[in-house]
Amino acid sequence: MSASTSSSSSSPSKAQSIAGKTSDQSQLQQPVRLKATIVVQAARHVSPVVLAGLFMAGFGHLVASPVSTMWAALPVVAALQLLHAIICLPVAGSSGAIKARKQRSGDKKKATEGSGPNLVITALLSLLLSVLLAPILHAAMILFGAPLLTHVSHTFLCAAHLSLLTSFPLFYVHGIDPTVWTSLAGFKAPLDECYGGLLGGFLGAWLGAVPIPLDWDREWQKWPVTILVGIYAGYLSGRILGGTLLWGKKF
């Protein structure tokens, strides 16, 4: 009698455990919510306009001298990304960032302990991780058809821009949480401004290669001008759509 009682009592607990795991997996991550203040909402709309305006203003220089233009633009883009992240996005480890992923046991306790994450340190570490990711993206571009032995600086700077635009906001919000990054890589995460920018940037880079082999004999067809145009256009489009019309949607 006691054995049957113990087995029957353990069955509900196993069922609850399985149900709990299923619920955790289905609520793996929530879309990132921007800070709800007037300053944030203003910066949210101004930042893409400034980024697009600067790119369009420098397009002629990009066509004439891609390497020097991309190199000179990197610190400007980095500053804009840093400002946008610090002003608008919840920093990794904050209560806002914790709500953007599944609630784990102990999250509330960790959030209340200590003085919270340091915005500047997190931003600089995220920037460093984005820089370290650039060589990996450089190698990926070569695998997808970028020149191997020529235009090395062109490809690397293009990869640096792609990393700074797409990966930096995600590092700032999510840190290096492997669960979150697995969800992002598996297209299981809901769309938001950060994830939309990532997907849009990579899709834009791929589409940007289409005009290069066409026999139009245009100066702007040289490597990697159209790739960079696709990266910026895709990133800005994905960021805007992910933060508005497509916010919270999944594949």
Protein backbone atom coordinates (compact mmCIF):
# COMPACT_ATOMS: atom_id res chain seq x y z
CA MET A 1 0.00 0.00 0.00
CA SER A 2 2.79 2.42 0.91
CA ALA A 3 4.64 1.72 -2.36
CA SER A 4 1.55 2.44 -4.43
CA THR A 5 0.89 5.57 -2.41
CA SER A 6 4.43 6.87 -2.95
CA SER A 7 4.34 6.11 -6.68
CA SER A 8 0.99 7.86 -7.06
CA SER A 9 2.26 10.88 -5.15
CA SER A 10 5.41 11.08 -7.24
CA SER A 11 3.48 11.00 -10.52
CA PRO A 12 1.85 14.42 -10.03
CA SER A 13 5.21 15.91 -9.07
CA LYS A 14 6.82 14.54 -12.24
CA ALA A 15 3.93 15.84 -14.31
CA GLN A 16 4.26 19.26 -12.68
CA SER A 17 8.01 19.24 -13.34
CA ILE A 18 7.51 18.42 -17.03
CA ALA A 19 4.79 21.05 -17.31
CA GLY A 20 7.05 23.58 -15.62
CA LYS A 21 9.88 22.89 -18.08
CA THR A 22 7.50 23.18 -21.00
CA SER A 23 6.19 26.47 -19.66
CA ASP A 24 9.77 27.78 -19.20
CA GLN A 25 10.66 26.83 -22.77
CA SER A 26 7.53 28.48 -24.17
CA GLN A 27 8.29 31.65 -22.21
CA LEU A 28 12.01 31.51 -22.90
CA GLN A 29 12.29 35.18 -23.64
CA GLN A 30 10.13 38.25 -23.78
CA PRO A 31 10.70 41.14 -26.21
CA VAL A 32 12.86 43.97 -24.93
CA ARG A 33 10.87 46.95 -23.71
CA LEU A 34 12.40 50.39 -24.02
CA LYS A 35 12.32 52.74 -21.07
CA ALA A 36 8.98 54.56 -20.95
CA THR A 37 10.05 58.19 -20.73
CA ILE A 38 9.69 61.18 -23.04
CA VAL A 39 13.45 61.40 -23.52
CA VAL A 40 13.66 57.75 -24.53
CA GLN A 41 10.80 58.01 -27.01
CA ALA A 42 12.38 61.10 -28.56
CA ALA A 43 15.81 59.45 -28.80
CA ARG A 44 14.22 56.31 -30.21
CA HIS A 45 12.91 58.23 -33.23
CA VAL A 46 15.82 60.63 -33.65
CA SER A 47 18.62 58.04 -33.55
CA PRO A 48 17.70 56.17 -36.78
CA VAL A 49 17.22 59.46 -38.62
CA VAL A 50 20.64 60.71 -37.54
CA LEU A 51 22.31 57.41 -38.45
CA ALA A 52 20.64 57.30 -41.87
CA GLY A 53 21.39 60.98 -42.50
CA LEU A 54 25.09 60.59 -41.71
CA PHE A 55 25.34 57.54 -43.95
CA MET A 56 23.67 59.31 -46.86
CA ALA A 57 25.84 62.39 -46.36
CA GLY A 58 28.99 60.29 -46.54
CA PHE A 59 27.91 58.03 -49.39
CA GLY A 60 29.93 59.93 -52.00
CA HIS A 61 33.07 59.60 -49.88
CA LEU A 62 32.30 55.90 -49.34
CA VAL A 63 32.23 55.28 -53.09
CA ALA A 64 35.40 57.30 -53.70
CA SER A 65 37.41 55.93 -50.77
CA PRO A 66 35.72 53.01 -48.97
CA VAL A 67 38.47 52.15 -46.47
CA SER A 68 39.16 55.63 -45.12
CA THR A 69 35.44 56.46 -45.00
CA MET A 70 34.48 53.27 -43.14
CA TRP A 71 37.38 53.73 -40.75
CA ALA A 72 36.48 57.35 -40.00
CA ALA A 73 32.80 56.48 -39.53
CA LEU A 74 33.40 53.71 -36.97
CA PRO A 75 33.90 55.96 -33.90
CA VAL A 76 30.89 58.07 -34.89
CA VAL A 77 28.66 55.02 -35.24
CA ALA A 78 30.04 53.60 -31.99
CA ALA A 79 29.21 56.85 -30.17
CA LEU A 80 25.66 56.86 -31.56
CA GLN A 81 25.15 53.23 -30.58
CA LEU A 82 26.50 53.86 -27.09
CA LEU A 83 24.23 56.86 -26.56
CA HIS A 84 21.19 55.01 -27.84
CA ALA A 85 21.88 52.00 -25.62
CA ILE A 86 22.50 54.00 -22.45
CA ILE A 87 19.49 56.26 -22.99
CA CYS A 88 16.94 53.81 -24.36
CA LEU A 89 17.79 50.18 -23.63
CA PRO A 90 17.64 48.23 -20.35
CA VAL A 91 21.13 47.19 -19.35
CA ALA A 92 21.95 43.50 -18.85
CA GLY A 93 21.28 42.48 -15.26
CA SER A 94 18.76 45.26 -14.60
CA SER A 95 15.13 44.57 -13.77
CA GLY A 96 14.11 45.59 -17.28
CA ALA A 97 16.53 43.18 -18.90
CA ILE A 98 15.52 40.35 -16.55
CA LYS A 99 11.89 40.81 -17.58
CA ALA A 100 13.02 40.44 -21.19
CA ARG A 101 13.90 36.80 -20.58
CA LYS A 102 12.29 33.99 -18.61
CA GLN A 103 12.06 34.45 -14.87
CA ARG A 104 14.40 32.05 -13.12
CA SER A 105 14.38 31.20 -9.47
CA GLY A 106 16.66 33.68 -7.80
CA ASP A 107 16.36 36.41 -10.45
CA LYS A 108 14.39 38.67 -8.13
CA LYS A 109 16.85 38.06 -5.34
CA LYS A 110 19.81 38.88 -7.61
CA ALA A 111 18.10 41.99 -8.91
CA THR A 112 17.61 43.38 -5.43
CA GLU A 113 21.12 42.57 -4.20
CA GLY A 114 23.92 45.09 -4.71
CA SER A 115 23.73 48.40 -6.47
CA GLY A 116 22.80 47.02 -9.91
CA PRO A 117 24.78 46.96 -13.15
CA ASN A 118 27.08 49.78 -14.16
CA LEU A 119 25.86 51.35 -17.40
CA VAL A 120 29.24 52.59 -18.61
CA ILE A 121 31.11 49.36 -17.84
CA THR A 122 28.41 47.25 -19.49
CA ALA A 123 28.42 49.50 -22.55
CA LEU A 124 32.21 49.33 -22.88
CA LEU A 125 32.24 45.54 -22.43
CA SER A 126 29.51 45.20 -25.04
CA LEU A 127 31.56 47.37 -27.38
CA LEU A 128 34.60 45.16 -26.77
CA LEU A 129 32.60 42.00 -27.50
CA SER A 130 31.36 43.57 -30.73
CA VAL A 131 34.95 44.33 -31.76
CA LEU A 132 36.00 40.75 -30.98
CA LEU A 133 33.13 39.45 -33.09
CA ALA A 134 34.28 41.39 -36.18
CA PRO A 135 37.00 38.86 -37.24
CA ILE A 136 34.43 36.06 -37.04
CA LEU A 137 32.04 37.99 -39.27
CA HIS A 138 34.97 38.74 -41.58
CA ALA A 139 35.59 35.00 -41.96
CA ALA A 140 31.87 34.40 -42.52
CA MET A 141 31.84 37.00 -45.30
CA ILE A 142 34.73 35.22 -47.01
CA LEU A 143 32.81 31.95 -46.83
CA PHE A 144 29.88 33.70 -48.52
CA GLY A 145 32.01 34.99 -51.39
CA ALA A 146 34.00 38.01 -50.18
CA PRO A 147 37.53 38.38 -51.66
CA LEU A 148 40.01 36.23 -49.77
CA LEU A 149 43.41 37.66 -50.67
CA THR A 150 42.42 41.14 -51.83
CA HIS A 151 40.32 43.91 -50.24
CA VAL A 152 41.11 42.54 -46.77
CA SER A 153 40.75 45.90 -45.04
CA HIS A 154 37.53 46.58 -46.97
CA THR A 155 35.95 43.34 -45.78
CA PHE A 156 37.14 43.67 -42.19
CA LEU A 157 35.81 47.23 -41.80
CA CYS A 158 32.51 46.16 -43.35
CA ALA A 159 32.32 43.31 -40.82
CA ALA A 160 33.14 45.76 -38.02
CA HIS A 161 30.22 47.99 -39.01
CA LEU A 162 27.93 44.95 -39.17
CA SER A 163 29.01 43.80 -35.72
CA LEU A 164 28.73 47.25 -34.16
CA LEU A 165 25.23 47.80 -35.51
CA THR A 166 23.70 44.37 -34.94
CA SER A 167 25.48 42.68 -32.02
CA PHE A 168 26.29 45.60 -29.71
CA PRO A 169 22.66 46.30 -28.62
CA LEU A 170 22.11 42.59 -27.93
CA PHE A 171 25.28 42.30 -25.84
CA TYR A 172 24.21 45.40 -23.92
CA VAL A 173 20.72 44.05 -23.16
CA HIS A 174 21.35 40.31 -22.78
CA GLY A 175 25.02 40.06 -21.88
CA ILE A 176 26.44 36.64 -22.78
CA ASP A 177 23.57 34.55 -21.43
CA PRO A 178 23.87 31.31 -23.49
CA THR A 179 20.16 30.56 -23.16
CA VAL A 180 19.19 33.87 -24.73
CA TRP A 181 21.77 33.61 -27.51
CA THR A 182 20.67 30.06 -28.32
CA SER A 183 17.12 31.38 -28.62
CA LEU A 184 18.26 34.21 -30.88
CA ALA A 185 20.33 31.94 -33.10
CA GLY A 186 17.48 29.44 -33.37
CA PHE A 187 14.95 32.12 -34.41
CA LYS A 188 12.86 31.32 -31.34
CA ALA A 189 13.05 34.75 -29.73
CA PRO A 190 10.29 37.31 -30.23
CA LEU A 191 11.06 40.33 -32.36
CA ASP A 192 11.99 43.62 -30.77
CA GLU A 193 14.15 46.58 -31.70
CA CYS A 194 17.45 44.80 -30.97
CA TYR A 195 16.61 41.44 -32.55
CA GLY A 196 14.94 43.10 -35.53
CA GLY A 197 18.09 45.12 -36.14
CA LEU A 198 20.20 41.96 -36.07
CA LEU A 199 18.03 40.10 -38.57
CA GLY A 200 17.61 43.15 -40.79
CA GLY A 201 21.34 43.86 -40.85
CA PHE A 202 22.30 40.33 -41.88
CA LEU A 203 19.51 40.10 -44.44
CA GLY A 204 20.54 43.47 -45.85
CA ALA A 205 24.17 42.35 -46.12
CA TRP A 206 23.08 39.30 -48.11
CA LEU A 207 20.81 41.30 -50.42
CA GLY A 208 23.47 43.96 -50.82
CA ALA A 209 25.65 41.51 -52.73
CA VAL A 210 23.09 41.19 -55.53
CA PRO A 211 24.10 44.29 -57.58
CA ILE A 212 27.85 43.59 -57.48
CA PRO A 213 28.09 41.05 -60.36
CA LEU A 214 25.60 42.89 -62.58
CA ASP A 215 27.10 44.38 -65.73
CA TRP A 216 26.14 47.97 -65.02
CA ASP A 217 29.70 49.28 -64.74
CA ARG A 218 28.85 51.69 -61.93
CA GLU A 219 31.40 53.04 -59.49
CA TRP A 220 29.19 52.22 -56.49
CA GLN A 221 29.17 48.52 -57.46
CA LYS A 222 32.71 48.01 -56.20
CA TRP A 223 33.32 46.00 -53.04
CA PRO A 224 31.90 46.49 -50.40
CA VAL A 225 29.77 49.58 -51.04
CA THR A 226 26.48 47.82 -51.80
CA ILE A 227 27.06 45.40 -48.90
CA LEU A 228 27.40 48.28 -46.47
CA VAL A 229 24.34 50.01 -47.94
CA GLY A 230 22.38 46.79 -47.41
CA ILE A 231 23.65 46.47 -43.84
CA TYR A 232 22.57 49.98 -42.85
CA ALA A 233 19.26 49.85 -44.73
CA GLY A 234 18.43 46.41 -43.34
CA TYR A 235 19.48 47.27 -39.80
CA LEU A 236 17.45 50.47 -39.66
CA SER A 237 14.41 48.82 -41.25
CA GLY A 238 14.57 45.81 -38.94
CA ARG A 239 15.13 47.99 -35.89
CA ILE A 240 12.14 50.22 -36.66
CA LEU A 241 9.80 47.37 -37.62
CA GLY A 242 10.94 45.19 -34.73
CA GLY A 243 10.21 47.98 -32.29
CA THR A 244 6.78 48.84 -33.72
CA LEU A 245 4.67 46.72 -36.11
CA LEU A 246 6.46 43.41 -35.55
CA TRP A 247 7.20 43.83 -31.85
CA GLY A 248 6.64 40.59 -29.91
CA LYS A 249 6.01 38.45 -32.99
CA LYS A 250 7.84 35.16 -33.59
CA PHE A 251 8.77 33.13 -36.63
